[in-house]
Amino acid sequence: MATIGRYLPQGIQEKGREIRTFMPRYGSINERRNQLHEVIRLSGMNLIINDSDHPLIIKVASIQSARMQIYFIDNEDYFQRKSIFHDKNNVFFDDNDERVMFFSRGVLETVKKLSWAPDVIHCHGWITALVPLYVRKIYQDNPLFGESKIIVSLYDDAFNEELNKDLLKKIKFDGINIKELKHLKSPDFVSLMKTAIDYADGIIIGSENINPELEAYAKAQNKPFLPYVPSEQIVEVYDEFYNKFIETT
């Protein structure tokens, strides 16, 4: 996933497309070494997660050799800790569900502030799993996303635990009809990614081996589907896959 996240955007940009890359500002990222700095004009708003305000901080860093910027979604409550998804005792963070919610909303709100209308939104990893749902349910009337197509890549990044049992209640607070979210009654990895697939327009297998139940579910949806390809081929193959969606917008 890291290899794809690093080299796919560069390759697509070199083909003349305009890209934006977003990721969480995990606490393990050294801001000084990587020269992150806050973008004041994009920061300053609060996102309400589970009826609580959480400041959205946007930071940016450049990969100079690729002439590419990376936008980091940051918040002291969710992304300052040094561990990513488990604490030092390997216990799954109880608020990982809210971190998924905050990141997904944070990306889309930042895109709004940029006034940038993406043709394709490509989601990588389960931290992005609610982006398709939010685009289709919360941002469906926003003209920036009216023509956007969503692609979800599936990886071998499964977790064995369940997210917080109150995830559905928290999503309901965002004004989403939870009756449509049949999978998230048991919010484990497979259920989370099935929800992403339900609201996606296309699916890519990003890892050589992924959860077999998830792969079977993805194939059964009758949506554009791209099997796994080696990393050295991703730019050409993925770009061709993107074209299937861009040509229909």
Protein backbone atom coordinates (compact mmCIF):
# COMPACT_ATOMS: atom_id res chain seq x y z
CA MET A 1 0.00 0.00 0.00
CA ALA A 2 2.84 2.39 0.81
CA THR A 3 4.50 1.67 -2.54
CA ILE A 4 1.28 2.32 -4.43
CA GLY A 5 0.53 5.43 -2.38
CA ARG A 6 3.96 6.81 -3.19
CA TYR A 7 4.41 6.00 -6.87
CA LEU A 8 0.88 5.81 -8.31
CA PRO A 9 0.06 9.52 -7.78
CA GLN A 10 3.40 10.53 -9.26
CA GLY A 11 2.91 8.33 -12.30
CA ILE A 12 -0.63 9.59 -12.88
CA GLN A 13 0.52 13.18 -12.47
CA GLU A 14 3.30 12.62 -15.01
CA LYS A 15 0.59 11.58 -17.46
CA GLY A 16 -0.78 15.11 -17.27
CA ARG A 17 -3.54 14.61 -14.72
CA GLU A 18 -4.13 16.82 -11.69
CA ILE A 19 -3.95 14.80 -8.48
CA ARG A 20 -4.35 15.33 -4.73
CA THR A 21 -3.06 12.85 -2.15
CA PHE A 22 -4.36 12.70 1.43
CA MET A 23 -3.30 10.64 4.43
CA PRO A 24 -3.64 10.81 8.23
CA ARG A 25 -0.89 12.64 10.08
CA TYR A 26 -0.04 9.70 12.32
CA GLY A 27 2.07 10.54 15.35
CA SER A 28 4.88 8.35 14.07
CA ILE A 29 5.51 10.83 11.24
CA ASN A 30 8.35 13.18 12.08
CA GLU A 31 7.13 16.64 11.14
CA ARG A 32 10.54 18.33 11.27
CA ARG A 33 12.34 15.68 9.24
CA ASN A 34 9.59 15.62 6.61
CA GLN A 35 9.08 19.40 6.70
CA LEU A 36 5.36 19.34 7.38
CA HIS A 37 3.72 22.69 7.86
CA GLU A 38 0.16 23.73 8.61
CA VAL A 39 -1.93 25.28 5.84
CA ILE A 40 -3.77 27.98 7.75
CA ARG A 41 -6.25 28.79 4.97
CA LEU A 42 -7.45 25.15 4.95
CA SER A 43 -7.42 24.60 8.71
CA GLY A 44 -9.61 26.21 11.33
CA MET A 45 -12.89 24.36 11.08
CA ASN A 46 -14.33 21.80 13.47
CA LEU A 47 -15.80 18.44 12.54
CA ILE A 48 -18.54 17.05 14.75
CA ILE A 49 -17.92 13.39 15.52
CA ASN A 50 -20.31 11.69 17.93
CA ASP A 51 -21.74 15.07 19.00
CA SER A 52 -18.29 16.44 19.90
CA ASP A 53 -16.25 19.11 18.14
CA HIS A 54 -12.80 18.15 16.86
CA PRO A 55 -10.56 20.74 15.16
CA LEU A 56 -9.48 19.85 11.61
CA ILE A 57 -5.84 20.70 11.00
CA ILE A 58 -4.42 20.42 7.48
CA LYS A 59 -0.69 20.05 7.02
CA VAL A 60 1.28 19.62 3.84
CA ALA A 61 4.67 18.29 2.80
CA SER A 62 6.36 17.96 -0.56
CA ILE A 63 8.10 15.09 -2.29
CA GLN A 64 10.44 17.34 -4.22
CA SER A 65 11.78 14.67 -6.57
CA ALA A 66 8.20 13.97 -7.69
CA ARG A 67 7.02 17.62 -7.59
CA MET A 68 4.10 16.36 -5.54
CA GLN A 69 2.41 17.58 -2.37
CA ILE A 70 0.86 15.37 0.30
CA TYR A 71 -2.00 16.70 2.43
CA PHE A 72 -2.09 15.42 6.00
CA ILE A 73 -5.33 15.26 7.99
CA ASP A 74 -4.48 16.02 11.61
CA ASN A 75 -6.22 16.28 14.95
CA GLU A 76 -4.74 16.10 18.41
CA ASP A 77 -7.40 13.72 19.73
CA TYR A 78 -7.05 11.17 16.95
CA PHE A 79 -3.63 11.33 15.32
CA GLN A 80 -1.05 12.60 17.81
CA ARG A 81 -0.35 9.19 19.38
CA LYS A 82 2.82 7.43 18.27
CA SER A 83 1.13 4.11 17.53
CA ILE A 84 -1.07 3.78 14.45
CA PHE A 85 -4.00 1.46 15.24
CA HIS A 86 -2.88 -0.42 18.39
CA ASP A 87 -1.33 0.80 21.64
CA LYS A 88 2.03 -0.34 23.00
CA ASN A 89 0.32 -3.44 24.45
CA ASN A 90 -1.15 -4.27 21.02
CA VAL A 91 -4.66 -3.32 22.13
CA PHE A 92 -6.86 -1.97 19.33
CA PHE A 93 -7.74 1.67 19.93
CA ASP A 94 -11.37 2.03 21.01
CA ASP A 95 -11.78 5.19 18.92
CA ASN A 96 -10.50 3.75 15.62
CA ASP A 97 -14.07 4.07 14.34
CA GLU A 98 -14.06 7.81 15.02
CA ARG A 99 -10.64 8.13 13.43
CA VAL A 100 -12.04 6.60 10.24
CA MET A 101 -14.97 9.01 10.40
CA PHE A 102 -12.78 12.04 11.05
CA PHE A 103 -10.29 11.22 8.31
CA SER A 104 -13.02 10.57 5.73
CA ARG A 105 -14.90 13.77 6.56
CA GLY A 106 -11.63 15.70 6.82
CA VAL A 107 -10.53 14.75 3.32
CA LEU A 108 -13.85 15.71 1.76
CA GLU A 109 -14.06 19.01 3.64
CA THR A 110 -10.54 19.85 2.50
CA VAL A 111 -11.44 19.08 -1.10
CA LYS A 112 -14.38 21.49 -0.69
CA LYS A 113 -12.07 24.21 0.60
CA LEU A 114 -9.77 23.63 -2.37
CA SER A 115 -12.82 24.02 -4.68
CA TRP A 116 -11.48 21.04 -6.59
CA ALA A 117 -13.85 18.65 -8.38
CA PRO A 118 -12.25 15.20 -8.62
CA ASP A 119 -13.15 12.96 -11.57
CA VAL A 120 -11.96 9.91 -9.62
CA ILE A 121 -11.70 9.38 -5.87
CA HIS A 122 -9.41 6.41 -5.21
CA CYS A 123 -9.60 4.98 -1.68
CA HIS A 124 -6.74 2.93 -0.24
CA GLY A 125 -6.97 1.04 3.06
CA TRP A 126 -9.70 0.72 5.64
CA ILE A 127 -9.00 4.17 7.09
CA THR A 128 -10.75 5.46 3.93
CA ALA A 129 -13.67 3.01 4.05
CA LEU A 130 -16.37 5.57 4.86
CA VAL A 131 -15.40 7.98 2.06
CA PRO A 132 -17.69 6.30 -0.53
CA LEU A 133 -20.62 6.35 1.90
CA TYR A 134 -20.11 10.00 2.79
CA VAL A 135 -19.74 11.09 -0.84
CA ARG A 136 -22.99 9.36 -1.79
CA LYS A 137 -25.02 10.31 1.29
CA ILE A 138 -23.67 13.52 2.85
CA TYR A 139 -22.06 15.24 -0.13
CA GLN A 140 -24.36 13.97 -2.86
CA ASP A 141 -25.79 17.44 -3.54
CA ASN A 142 -22.42 19.19 -3.62
CA PRO A 143 -21.56 20.01 -7.24
CA LEU A 144 -17.87 19.29 -6.63
CA PHE A 145 -18.69 15.60 -6.18
CA GLY A 146 -21.66 15.35 -8.53
CA GLU A 147 -19.68 13.64 -11.30
CA SER A 148 -17.04 11.94 -9.14
CA LYS A 149 -16.50 8.21 -9.54
CA ILE A 150 -15.24 6.23 -6.56
CA ILE A 151 -12.72 3.40 -6.78
CA VAL A 152 -11.89 1.25 -3.76
CA SER A 153 -8.67 -0.76 -3.57
CA LEU A 154 -8.73 -3.84 -1.33
CA TYR A 155 -5.57 -4.83 0.54
CA ASP A 156 -4.33 -7.39 3.03
CA ASP A 157 -4.59 -4.82 5.85
CA ALA A 158 -7.24 -6.66 7.86
CA PHE A 159 -7.62 -6.22 11.61
CA ASN A 160 -8.96 -9.02 13.81
CA GLU A 161 -10.89 -6.86 16.27
CA GLU A 162 -14.21 -5.06 15.90
CA LEU A 163 -14.65 -1.32 15.77
CA ASN A 164 -16.67 0.37 18.49
CA LYS A 165 -20.18 -1.09 18.74
CA ASP A 166 -21.65 2.43 18.62
CA LEU A 167 -20.34 3.10 15.11
CA LEU A 168 -23.81 2.97 13.57
CA LYS A 169 -25.18 5.44 16.12
CA LYS A 170 -22.34 7.82 15.35
CA ILE A 171 -22.94 7.53 11.61
CA LYS A 172 -26.64 8.16 12.20
CA PHE A 173 -25.70 11.42 13.91
CA ASP A 174 -24.30 12.56 10.54
CA GLY A 175 -27.81 12.29 9.11
CA ILE A 176 -27.33 8.97 7.34
CA ASN A 177 -30.12 6.38 7.36
CA ILE A 178 -28.46 3.46 9.12
CA LYS A 179 -31.11 1.06 7.80
CA GLU A 180 -29.12 1.13 4.56
CA LEU A 181 -25.95 -0.01 6.36
CA LYS A 182 -26.70 -3.68 6.85
CA HIS A 183 -23.05 -4.72 7.14
CA LEU A 184 -22.02 -2.46 10.00
CA LYS A 185 -24.19 -4.11 12.63
CA SER A 186 -21.01 -6.10 13.35
CA PRO A 187 -18.33 -3.54 12.51
CA ASP A 188 -15.35 -5.75 11.70
CA PHE A 189 -12.88 -5.38 8.83
CA VAL A 190 -14.90 -7.34 6.27
CA SER A 191 -18.13 -5.50 7.11
CA LEU A 192 -16.41 -2.12 6.87
CA MET A 193 -14.94 -2.90 3.46
CA LYS A 194 -18.20 -4.38 2.17
CA THR A 195 -19.79 -1.04 2.97
CA ALA A 196 -17.07 0.72 0.96
CA ILE A 197 -17.68 -1.66 -1.95
CA ASP A 198 -21.44 -1.03 -1.84
CA TYR A 199 -20.96 2.68 -2.52
CA ALA A 200 -18.01 2.37 -4.91
CA ASP A 201 -18.18 2.52 -8.70
CA GLY A 202 -15.15 0.29 -9.26
CA ILE A 203 -12.97 -2.13 -7.31
CA ILE A 204 -9.26 -2.94 -7.50
CA ILE A 205 -7.45 -5.81 -5.81
CA GLY A 206 -4.40 -4.05 -4.40
CA SER A 207 -2.66 -6.98 -2.66
CA GLU A 208 -1.70 -10.36 -4.00
CA ASN A 209 -3.68 -12.10 -1.26
CA ILE A 210 -6.75 -10.55 0.36
CA ASN A 211 -9.58 -11.83 2.51
CA PRO A 212 -11.36 -14.44 0.32
CA GLU A 213 -14.84 -13.47 1.54
CA LEU A 214 -14.17 -9.88 0.63
CA GLU A 215 -12.80 -10.76 -2.79
CA ALA A 216 -15.82 -12.95 -3.55
CA TYR A 217 -18.19 -10.18 -2.45
CA ALA A 218 -16.41 -7.65 -4.65
CA LYS A 219 -16.55 -9.88 -7.71
CA ALA A 220 -20.27 -10.55 -7.19
CA GLN A 221 -21.22 -6.85 -7.40
CA ASN A 222 -21.06 -6.66 -11.19
CA LYS A 223 -19.00 -3.47 -11.03
CA PRO A 224 -15.82 -2.70 -12.99
CA PHE A 225 -13.19 -4.92 -11.39
CA LEU A 226 -9.41 -4.95 -11.72
CA PRO A 227 -7.48 -8.00 -10.47
CA TYR A 228 -4.12 -7.69 -8.74
CA VAL A 229 -1.25 -6.42 -10.85
CA PRO A 230 2.42 -6.15 -9.78
CA SER A 231 3.54 -2.75 -8.52
CA GLU A 232 5.76 -2.08 -11.55
CA GLN A 233 2.65 -2.18 -13.78
CA ILE A 234 0.24 -0.13 -11.69
CA VAL A 235 0.63 3.25 -13.37
CA GLU A 236 -0.23 2.05 -16.86
CA VAL A 237 -2.90 -0.44 -15.81
CA TYR A 238 -4.58 1.82 -13.25
CA ASP A 239 -4.55 4.78 -15.63
CA GLU A 240 -6.38 2.68 -18.21
CA PHE A 241 -8.86 1.62 -15.51
CA TYR A 242 -9.44 5.27 -14.54
CA ASN A 243 -10.22 6.10 -18.16
CA LYS A 244 -13.25 3.81 -18.07
CA PHE A 245 -14.81 6.13 -15.50
CA ILE A 246 -13.59 9.48 -16.79
CA GLU A 247 -14.94 8.78 -20.29
CA THR A 248 -18.43 8.24 -18.86
CA THR A 249 -18.58 11.50 -16.87
